[in-house]
Protein backbone atom coordinates (compact mmCIF):
# COMPACT_ATOMS: atom_id res chain seq x y z
CA MET A 1 -58.06 -18.97 -25.59
CA ALA A 2 -58.16 -16.70 -22.19
CA ILE A 3 -56.15 -18.97 -20.79
CA GLU A 4 -53.38 -19.07 -23.44
CA VAL A 5 -53.46 -14.96 -23.33
CA ALA A 6 -53.02 -15.05 -19.76
CA GLY A 7 -50.10 -17.80 -19.97
CA ALA A 8 -48.43 -15.56 -22.68
CA ILE A 9 -48.87 -12.57 -20.69
CA SER A 10 -47.32 -14.30 -17.56
CA LEU A 11 -44.40 -15.54 -19.56
CA ARG A 12 -43.56 -12.14 -20.89
CA SER A 13 -43.62 -10.42 -17.64
CA MET A 14 -41.25 -13.09 -16.15
CA LEU A 15 -39.02 -12.63 -19.05
CA LYS A 16 -39.07 -8.86 -18.51
CA LYS A 17 -38.28 -9.33 -14.57
CA LEU A 18 -35.60 -11.59 -15.06
CA PRO A 19 -32.82 -9.28 -16.20
CA VAL A 20 -33.61 -6.82 -13.50
CA ALA A 21 -33.46 -10.10 -11.08
CA LEU A 22 -30.02 -10.90 -12.37
CA PHE A 23 -28.83 -7.23 -12.21
CA MET A 24 -29.66 -7.19 -8.70
CA TYR A 25 -27.05 -10.32 -7.95
CA TYR A 26 -24.66 -8.56 -10.83
CA VAL A 27 -24.58 -5.31 -8.82
CA PRO A 28 -23.35 -6.30 -5.49
CA VAL A 29 -20.64 -8.81 -6.94
CA VAL A 30 -19.12 -6.23 -8.44
CA ILE A 31 -18.96 -4.03 -5.49
CA CYS A 32 -17.51 -6.97 -3.25
CA GLY A 33 -14.97 -7.26 -5.91
CA TYR A 34 -13.45 -3.80 -4.79
CA LEU A 35 -13.81 -4.87 -1.22
CA GLY A 36 -11.42 -7.49 -1.02
CA THR A 37 -9.45 -6.31 2.31
CA MET A 38 -12.37 -6.20 3.90
CA PHE A 39 -13.18 -9.99 3.83
CA TRP A 40 -11.01 -12.73 2.26
CA LEU A 41 -14.20 -13.98 0.48
CA PHE A 42 -14.63 -10.87 -1.25
CA GLU A 43 -11.17 -11.03 -3.13
CA TYR A 44 -12.65 -13.86 -5.20
CA PHE A 45 -14.90 -11.77 -7.08
CA SER A 46 -11.91 -9.20 -8.15
CA HIS A 47 -10.48 -11.29 -10.54
CA PHE A 48 -13.26 -11.24 -12.67
CA ARG A 49 -13.15 -7.70 -13.65
CA LEU A 50 -13.00 -8.71 -17.44
CA GLN A 51 -16.05 -10.83 -17.27
CA GLN A 52 -18.15 -8.44 -15.12
CA PHE A 53 -17.17 -5.55 -17.96
CA TRP A 54 -19.04 -7.48 -20.24
CA LEU A 55 -21.82 -8.62 -18.18
CA GLY A 56 -22.67 -4.51 -18.12
CA VAL A 57 -22.17 -4.16 -21.67
CA VAL A 58 -24.99 -6.80 -21.94
CA PHE A 59 -27.00 -5.34 -19.01
CA THR A 60 -26.88 -2.01 -20.87
CA ILE A 61 -28.07 -3.11 -24.45
CA THR A 62 -31.05 -5.40 -22.43
CA PHE A 63 -32.56 -2.49 -20.71
CA ILE A 64 -31.92 -0.26 -23.67
CA ILE A 65 -33.79 -2.45 -25.79
CA MET A 66 -36.52 -3.01 -22.92
CA LYS A 67 -36.68 0.93 -22.44
CA MET A 68 -35.88 1.12 -19.22
CA ARG A 69 -33.77 4.14 -18.94
CA GLY A 70 -32.41 3.81 -15.02
CA PRO A 71 -31.03 0.48 -14.91
CA ALA A 72 -29.72 1.11 -18.32
CA VAL A 73 -27.40 4.38 -16.88
CA VAL A 74 -26.34 2.25 -14.08
CA ALA A 75 -25.41 -0.79 -15.98
CA ALA A 76 -23.14 1.54 -18.41
CA GLY A 77 -21.45 3.51 -15.78
CA ILE A 78 -20.57 0.14 -13.66
CA ALA A 79 -19.32 -0.86 -17.53
CA VAL A 80 -17.68 2.18 -17.80
CA LEU A 81 -15.90 2.26 -14.50
CA ILE A 82 -14.73 -1.30 -14.40
CA GLY A 83 -13.48 -0.44 -18.12
CA VAL A 84 -11.20 2.74 -17.29
CA GLN A 85 -10.38 1.64 -14.13
CA SER A 86 -9.19 -2.11 -14.34
CA LEU A 87 -9.24 -2.64 -18.17
CA LEU A 88 -7.67 0.20 -20.20
CA PRO A 89 -4.37 0.79 -18.43
CA TRP A 90 -3.46 -2.95 -19.64
CA TYR A 91 -3.73 -1.83 -23.11
CA ILE A 92 -2.02 1.08 -22.78
CA PRO A 93 2.29 0.63 -23.88
CA ARG A 94 4.68 1.85 -21.67
CA GLN A 95 7.94 3.43 -22.95
CA VAL A 96 11.41 2.24 -21.60
CA ALA A 97 14.56 4.70 -22.26
CA ALA A 98 16.33 3.47 -25.06
CA ALA A 99 19.84 1.69 -24.09
CA GLU A 100 22.48 -1.03 -25.08
CA SER A 101 20.13 -3.96 -24.73
CA LYS A 102 19.57 -7.89 -25.11
CA THR A 103 16.40 -9.23 -26.08
CA VAL A 104 15.98 -12.68 -23.97
CA ARG A 105 12.77 -14.96 -24.60
CA PHE A 106 11.03 -16.43 -21.67
CA LEU A 107 8.41 -19.30 -21.81
CA TYR A 108 6.55 -19.89 -18.75
CA ILE A 109 4.65 -23.26 -18.41
CA ASN A 110 2.53 -24.56 -15.76
CA VAL A 111 2.13 -28.11 -16.92
CA TRP A 112 -0.62 -29.35 -14.62
CA LEU A 113 0.92 -32.60 -12.69
CA ARG A 114 -2.18 -34.33 -13.94
CA ASN A 115 -1.39 -33.73 -17.61
CA THR A 116 0.60 -36.35 -19.75
CA ASN A 117 0.39 -34.72 -23.09
CA HIS A 118 4.45 -34.24 -22.49
CA GLN A 119 4.76 -34.20 -26.25
CA ALA A 120 2.40 -31.18 -26.64
CA VAL A 121 5.05 -29.06 -24.42
CA ILE A 122 8.54 -30.40 -26.09
CA ASP A 123 6.86 -29.39 -29.07
CA LEU A 124 6.01 -25.97 -28.16
CA ILE A 125 9.42 -25.36 -26.45
CA ARG A 126 11.07 -26.54 -30.11
CA ARG A 127 8.64 -23.96 -31.52
CA GLU A 128 9.33 -20.99 -29.59
CA ASN A 129 12.58 -21.68 -28.99
CA PRO A 130 12.89 -19.64 -25.69
CA ASP A 131 16.69 -18.69 -23.88
CA VAL A 132 15.00 -19.64 -20.50
CA ILE A 133 12.27 -22.24 -19.47
CA ILE A 134 10.08 -22.02 -16.31
CA GLY A 135 8.11 -25.09 -15.28
CA GLN A 136 5.87 -25.54 -12.50
CA GLU A 137 4.00 -28.42 -11.25
CA ILE A 138 6.82 -30.24 -12.37
CA THR A 139 6.93 -34.02 -11.08
CA GLN A 140 9.37 -36.59 -11.53
CA ALA A 141 7.83 -38.03 -14.61
CA TRP A 142 8.10 -34.66 -16.25
CA MET A 143 11.65 -34.39 -15.46
CA GLU A 144 12.09 -37.71 -17.19
CA ALA A 145 10.16 -36.34 -20.29
CA LEU A 146 12.16 -33.51 -20.61
CA ARG A 147 15.27 -34.48 -19.95
CA PRO A 148 16.29 -34.47 -23.81
CA LEU A 149 15.83 -30.84 -23.58
CA LYS A 150 18.95 -30.31 -21.47
CA ALA A 151 21.43 -31.13 -24.03
CA ASP A 152 20.52 -27.77 -25.43
CA TYR A 153 19.46 -25.88 -21.99
CA PRO A 154 22.50 -27.16 -19.62
CA HIS A 155 21.98 -24.54 -16.94
CA GLY A 156 19.73 -24.28 -13.93
CA MET A 157 17.91 -26.20 -11.54
CA ASP A 158 14.94 -28.69 -10.91
CA LEU A 159 13.00 -29.73 -8.11
CA PRO A 160 10.50 -32.07 -8.98
CA ILE A 161 7.52 -33.22 -6.93
CA GLU A 162 4.73 -35.50 -6.61
CA SER A 163 2.33 -32.34 -5.97
CA PRO A 164 1.81 -28.80 -7.08
CA GLN A 165 4.90 -27.91 -5.49
CA GLY A 166 7.05 -29.15 -8.18
CA ILE A 167 9.16 -26.35 -9.93
CA MET A 168 12.03 -26.01 -12.90
CA LEU A 169 14.26 -23.90 -14.25
CA LEU A 170 16.14 -24.66 -17.62
CA SER A 171 18.17 -22.12 -19.43
CA ARG A 172 20.67 -21.56 -22.24
CA VAL A 173 21.82 -18.33 -20.92
CA PRO A 174 24.56 -18.74 -18.12
CA LEU A 175 24.13 -18.74 -14.85
CA ALA A 176 26.31 -17.04 -12.38
CA LEU A 177 24.16 -18.25 -9.11
CA VAL A 178 21.21 -20.30 -9.07
CA GLU A 179 19.88 -21.64 -5.82
CA ASN A 180 16.37 -22.21 -4.01
CA VAL A 181 15.71 -19.49 -1.46
CA LYS A 182 12.94 -20.62 0.31
CA ILE A 183 10.78 -17.53 0.71
CA ARG A 184 8.04 -18.76 2.75
CA SER A 185 7.57 -22.22 1.13
CA TYR A 186 3.73 -22.67 1.66
CA ASN A 187 3.44 -23.86 -1.89
CA GLY A 188 6.88 -25.17 -2.91
CA PRO A 189 10.39 -23.93 -3.22
CA THR A 190 11.46 -20.48 -4.97
CA ILE A 191 14.35 -20.57 -7.24
CA HIS A 192 16.50 -17.44 -7.68
CA ALA A 193 18.75 -17.41 -10.80
CA VAL A 194 21.21 -14.95 -11.82
CA LEU A 195 21.46 -14.61 -15.51
CA ASP A 196 25.13 -13.86 -17.23
CA LEU A 197 24.25 -11.68 -20.06
CA ASP A 198 27.70 -11.29 -21.70
CA GLY A 199 29.00 -10.44 -17.96
CA LYS A 200 25.68 -8.61 -16.94
CA ARG A 201 23.86 -10.17 -14.41
CA VAL A 202 19.87 -10.02 -14.26
CA ASP A 203 18.15 -11.67 -11.06
CA LEU A 204 15.40 -14.02 -11.76
CA VAL A 205 12.95 -15.28 -9.25
CA THR A 206 10.43 -17.87 -9.81
CA ALA A 207 7.73 -19.35 -7.39
CA HIS A 208 4.27 -20.94 -7.16
CA LEU A 209 2.01 -19.45 -4.40
CA ALA A 210 -0.60 -21.08 -2.21
CA ALA A 211 -3.97 -21.44 -4.13
CA PRO A 212 -6.58 -19.17 -2.19
CA MET A 213 -8.80 -21.80 -1.24
CA SER A 214 -9.79 -20.77 2.03
CA LYS A 215 -8.89 -18.07 4.78
CA ARG A 216 -5.85 -19.80 5.89
CA HIS A 217 -4.59 -20.59 2.04
CA VAL A 218 -5.50 -16.55 1.44
CA GLU A 219 -3.32 -15.49 4.46
CA ALA A 220 -0.46 -18.07 3.31
CA ARG A 221 -0.16 -16.58 0.01
CA ASN A 222 -0.49 -12.66 0.76
CA GLU A 223 2.34 -13.48 3.50
CA GLN A 224 4.46 -15.22 0.92
CA MET A 225 3.60 -12.60 -1.62
CA ARG A 226 4.78 -9.70 1.25
CA ALA A 227 8.07 -11.82 1.87
CA MET A 228 8.97 -11.85 -1.78
CA ALA A 229 8.34 -8.42 -2.32
CA GLU A 230 10.68 -7.76 0.51
CA TYR A 231 13.05 -9.81 -0.92
CA LEU A 232 13.09 -8.82 -4.59
CA ALA A 233 13.27 -4.80 -3.38
CA GLY A 234 16.90 -5.75 -1.92
CA LEU A 235 17.97 -6.79 -5.19
CA GLY A 236 20.07 -4.34 -7.27
CA GLY A 237 20.02 -3.96 -11.31
CA PRO A 238 17.48 -5.64 -13.50
CA LYS A 239 15.00 -8.29 -11.92
CA ILE A 240 12.32 -10.61 -12.98
CA LEU A 241 9.44 -12.64 -11.11
CA ILE A 242 7.83 -14.95 -13.25
CA GLY A 243 5.16 -17.26 -11.62
CA ASP A 244 1.71 -18.85 -10.66
CA LEU A 245 0.76 -16.15 -8.44
CA ASN A 246 -2.39 -17.33 -7.81
CA CYS A 247 -4.05 -14.05 -8.07
CA SER A 248 -4.81 -11.49 -10.73
CA MET A 249 -3.74 -7.89 -10.87
CA TRP A 250 -6.70 -6.33 -9.20
CA SER A 251 -6.08 -8.73 -6.10
CA PRO A 252 -5.33 -6.78 -3.16
CA GLY A 253 -2.90 -9.66 -2.17
CA TYR A 254 -0.88 -8.67 -5.49
CA ALA A 255 -0.42 -5.23 -4.56
CA PRO A 256 2.82 -5.58 -2.68
CA ILE A 257 4.53 -6.79 -5.57
CA GLU A 258 4.45 -3.48 -7.50
CA GLU A 259 4.05 -1.10 -4.62
CA VAL A 260 6.95 -2.73 -2.30
CA THR A 261 9.47 -3.25 -5.43
CA GLY A 262 8.32 -0.59 -7.95
CA MET A 263 8.36 -3.34 -10.65
CA ILE A 264 5.68 -3.78 -13.09
CA ASN A 265 3.79 -6.38 -14.79
CA ALA A 266 5.00 -7.44 -18.29
CA ARG A 267 1.57 -7.74 -19.83
CA LYS A 268 1.03 -4.10 -19.78
CA GLY A 269 0.30 -2.63 -23.45
CA PHE A 270 -0.56 -6.20 -23.97
CA GLY A 271 -3.88 -6.43 -22.75
CA ILE A 272 -5.06 -8.99 -19.82
CA LEU A 273 -3.75 -12.22 -21.34
CA ALA A 274 -5.95 -14.33 -18.87
CA THR A 275 -4.04 -17.94 -18.31
CA TRP A 276 -6.30 -19.94 -16.33
CA PRO A 277 -8.79 -21.99 -16.54
CA VAL A 278 -8.64 -23.59 -19.96
CA VAL A 279 -12.19 -23.57 -20.72
CA GLY A 280 -12.88 -23.27 -24.38
CA ILE A 281 -13.99 -19.68 -25.60
CA LEU A 282 -14.62 -18.76 -22.26
CA PRO A 283 -12.24 -15.94 -21.00
CA GLY A 284 -10.58 -16.98 -18.05
CA ILE A 285 -8.28 -14.79 -15.27
CA PRO A 286 -4.75 -13.46 -15.20
CA ILE A 287 -2.84 -15.85 -12.55
CA ASP A 288 0.16 -16.25 -14.21
CA HIS A 289 2.56 -13.20 -14.42
CA CYS A 290 5.80 -11.91 -15.26
CA ILE A 291 6.85 -8.75 -13.62
CA VAL A 292 9.85 -6.64 -14.67
CA SER A 293 11.89 -3.77 -12.89
CA ARG A 294 10.94 -1.01 -14.92
CA ASP A 295 14.65 -0.59 -16.58
CA ILE A 296 13.39 -3.81 -18.70
CA GLY A 297 11.30 -3.51 -22.17
CA VAL A 298 8.69 -6.00 -23.03
CA SER A 299 8.94 -6.14 -26.95
CA SER A 300 6.09 -9.00 -26.66
CA ALA A 301 3.93 -11.11 -24.27
CA ARG A 302 1.39 -13.45 -25.42
CA VAL A 303 -0.63 -16.27 -24.37
CA GLY A 304 0.65 -19.42 -25.77
CA PRO A 305 -1.68 -22.71 -27.00
CA GLY A 306 -3.53 -25.19 -24.95
CA ILE A 307 -0.70 -27.91 -23.99
CA GLY A 308 -3.29 -30.33 -21.66
CA SER A 309 -3.11 -28.16 -18.95
CA ASP A 310 -5.30 -25.89 -17.00
CA HIS A 311 -3.41 -23.26 -17.54
CA TYR A 312 -2.58 -21.44 -20.65
CA PRO A 313 1.77 -20.84 -21.55
CA MET A 314 3.15 -17.49 -21.43
CA VAL A 315 5.61 -16.17 -23.70
CA TYR A 316 7.71 -13.06 -23.38
CA ASP A 317 10.59 -11.38 -25.39
CA LEU A 318 12.51 -9.01 -22.33
CA VAL A 319 14.58 -6.32 -23.53
CA ILE A 320 17.33 -6.08 -21.28
CA PRO A 321 19.52 -3.41 -20.53
CA ILE A 322 23.49 -4.67 -20.69
CA SER A 323 25.22 -0.87 -21.01
CA VAL A 324 25.80 -0.29 -17.22
CA ASN A 325 27.18 -2.80 -14.75
CA VAL A 326 23.87 -4.35 -13.16
CA GLY A 327 25.63 -5.94 -10.41
CA ASN A 328 25.01 -4.92 -6.80
CA PRO A 329 28.04 -2.51 -6.10
CA HIS A 330 28.11 -3.29 -2.31
CA HIS A 331 28.41 -6.96 -2.56
CA ASP A 332 30.04 -10.21 -4.35
CA ARG A 333 27.34 -12.18 -4.98
CA GLN A 334 29.60 -15.48 -5.45
CA SER A 335 31.88 -15.32 -2.57
CA GLY A 336 29.44 -14.07 -0.27
CA ARG A 337 31.48 -11.75 1.07
CA PRO A 338 30.85 -7.55 1.80
CA ARG A 339 32.65 -6.02 -1.45
CA LEU A 340 34.72 -3.24 0.55
CA GLY A 341 36.65 -1.72 -2.35
CA HIS A 342 33.97 0.76 -3.14
CA PRO A 343 35.62 3.68 -2.34
CA ASP A 344 32.19 5.09 -0.52
CA VAL A 345 31.23 1.77 1.67
CA GLU A 346 32.44 1.47 4.71
CA VAL A 347 31.33 -1.53 7.10
CA GLN A 348 31.93 -1.92 10.18
CA THR A 349 30.27 -5.42 11.35
CA ILE A 350 30.58 -9.25 10.49
CA LEU A 351 27.91 -10.45 8.02
CA THR A 352 26.74 -13.75 7.21
CA ARG A 353 25.05 -15.11 4.31
CA ASP A 354 21.68 -16.48 4.71
CA SER A 355 19.78 -18.28 1.56
CA ARG A 356 16.27 -17.09 2.46
CA VAL A 357 16.79 -13.60 2.64
CA GLY A 358 20.25 -12.65 1.60
CA TRP A 359 22.40 -10.36 3.65
CA MET A 360 22.01 -10.92 7.36
CA GLN A 361 23.58 -8.33 9.65
CA LEU A 362 24.80 -9.72 13.46
CA GLY A 363 24.32 -6.52 15.29
CA ARG A 364 22.57 -3.70 14.79
CA LEU A 365 22.26 -1.24 11.94
CA LYS A 366 21.91 2.17 11.49
CA THR A 367 23.01 4.27 8.11
CA LYS A 368 24.09 7.71 7.26
CA GLY A 369 23.83 9.88 4.35
CA GLU A 370 21.96 8.61 1.57
CA GLY A 371 22.28 4.68 2.37
CA VAL A 372 19.07 2.93 3.61
CA SER A 373 18.39 -0.09 5.64
CA HIS A 374 15.46 -2.02 4.94
CA ALA A 375 13.86 -3.24 8.00
CA ALA A 376 12.36 -6.69 8.36
CA PRO A 377 11.15 -9.02 10.93
CA TRP A 378 14.28 -11.18 10.37
CA GLY A 379 16.84 -8.13 10.85
CA ASN A 380 18.34 -5.24 9.12
CA ARG A 381 19.68 -5.99 5.10
CA LEU A 382 22.87 -4.48 4.11
CA TRP A 383 22.49 -5.90 0.50
CA ARG A 384 19.49 -3.27 -0.25
CA SER A 385 20.30 -1.52 -3.64
CA HIS A 386 21.78 1.53 -3.59
CA PRO A 387 22.69 4.13 -6.49
CA ILE A 388 26.18 3.55 -8.04
CA GLY A 389 28.56 6.03 -6.58
CA ALA A 390 25.95 6.88 -3.79
CA SER A 391 27.72 8.51 -0.80
CA ILE A 392 26.85 5.62 1.90
CA LYS A 393 28.41 4.80 5.56
CA TYR A 394 27.36 2.35 7.66
CA GLU A 395 27.64 2.51 11.21
CA VAL A 396 27.16 -0.39 13.14
CA ILE A 397 26.42 -0.74 17.03
CA LEU A 398 26.67 -4.06 18.33
CA PRO A 399 24.55 -5.38 21.26
CA ALA A 400 26.53 -5.17 24.47
CA ARG A 401 27.16 -8.98 24.87
CA SER A 402 29.15 -9.26 21.58
CA ARG A 403 31.06 -6.18 22.74
CA ARG A 404 34.99 -6.86 23.64
């Protein structure tokens, strides 16, 4: 009898210590998630803010039941911090100024190259009836399966690859331009398309960034993210980025996309919308994104059903302004030549078109007045957006060897 009592006491003591022991691991994990800029491995912990929040709630309730006031206060504080700082902002809707607009539905699907459930994807497309489809991890087999859709989606580009790098864009909206711009192609091509909405142009960029499987891959993804942010910053008018960025909104690698471009994640106001991995009822992490310029509204953003992929699809209804000319007033995209007819623009150099970054300048560029040239390792770019009607003058000083 004495042995049984001692065993019961020992088990009870162990069960009481277990939550405390687990909590001692939980706290540094949460802290490391905020220190991703210090060490690349710490970034992994930043993606799981939703899970960390609910664990904080569970620890708080557990410690209250166990009458452990100190740990309960710490756990509650962590849960409140994560909830207020990382989660709550994504549930607060944003307002977009009213303007003449058109709603365009975008369907994003990372099909997963190992997935053979082609019919589930086709059924999803028929059911959602999107205007634009973006597919990633597209192989030749997937393109063959989706080929019948091209009757309804005659515009676009498909670049199938027998790896996660394959990408596809199908559109029933006419395209003024579609090309592979190859922005730091660590994980495949980058498609840049220009949607023509009744004569109004909207830039759409889609890419699949490198998966952070090692320090080298994290650095490659971050470099590609920065380069893409610079590219987007140079596009005038409404613009959209859609793709698997292989990081959550809380990752330090994600920050340049919003900080450099001034764009905003389309899920804001609609919640976390976790997309990966597909693991039953367990919550995943949000690594698939639609990021829009602030003049674009979002009437709906939601996660689609499972389609046999390791990612959930995403459906976005974007409200795009069409009441103003959204084309860049300083160059003609299709002809590849500067638009010199603008009364406030003076260009005194030779320009060339490079599909990787846009406009390149062959000399050394200075700007006067309100014009701003955006410095970058590959040269100064004349194609950065300016307000229509701004007073802009470009003065170019060519290198000595170019002078005559």
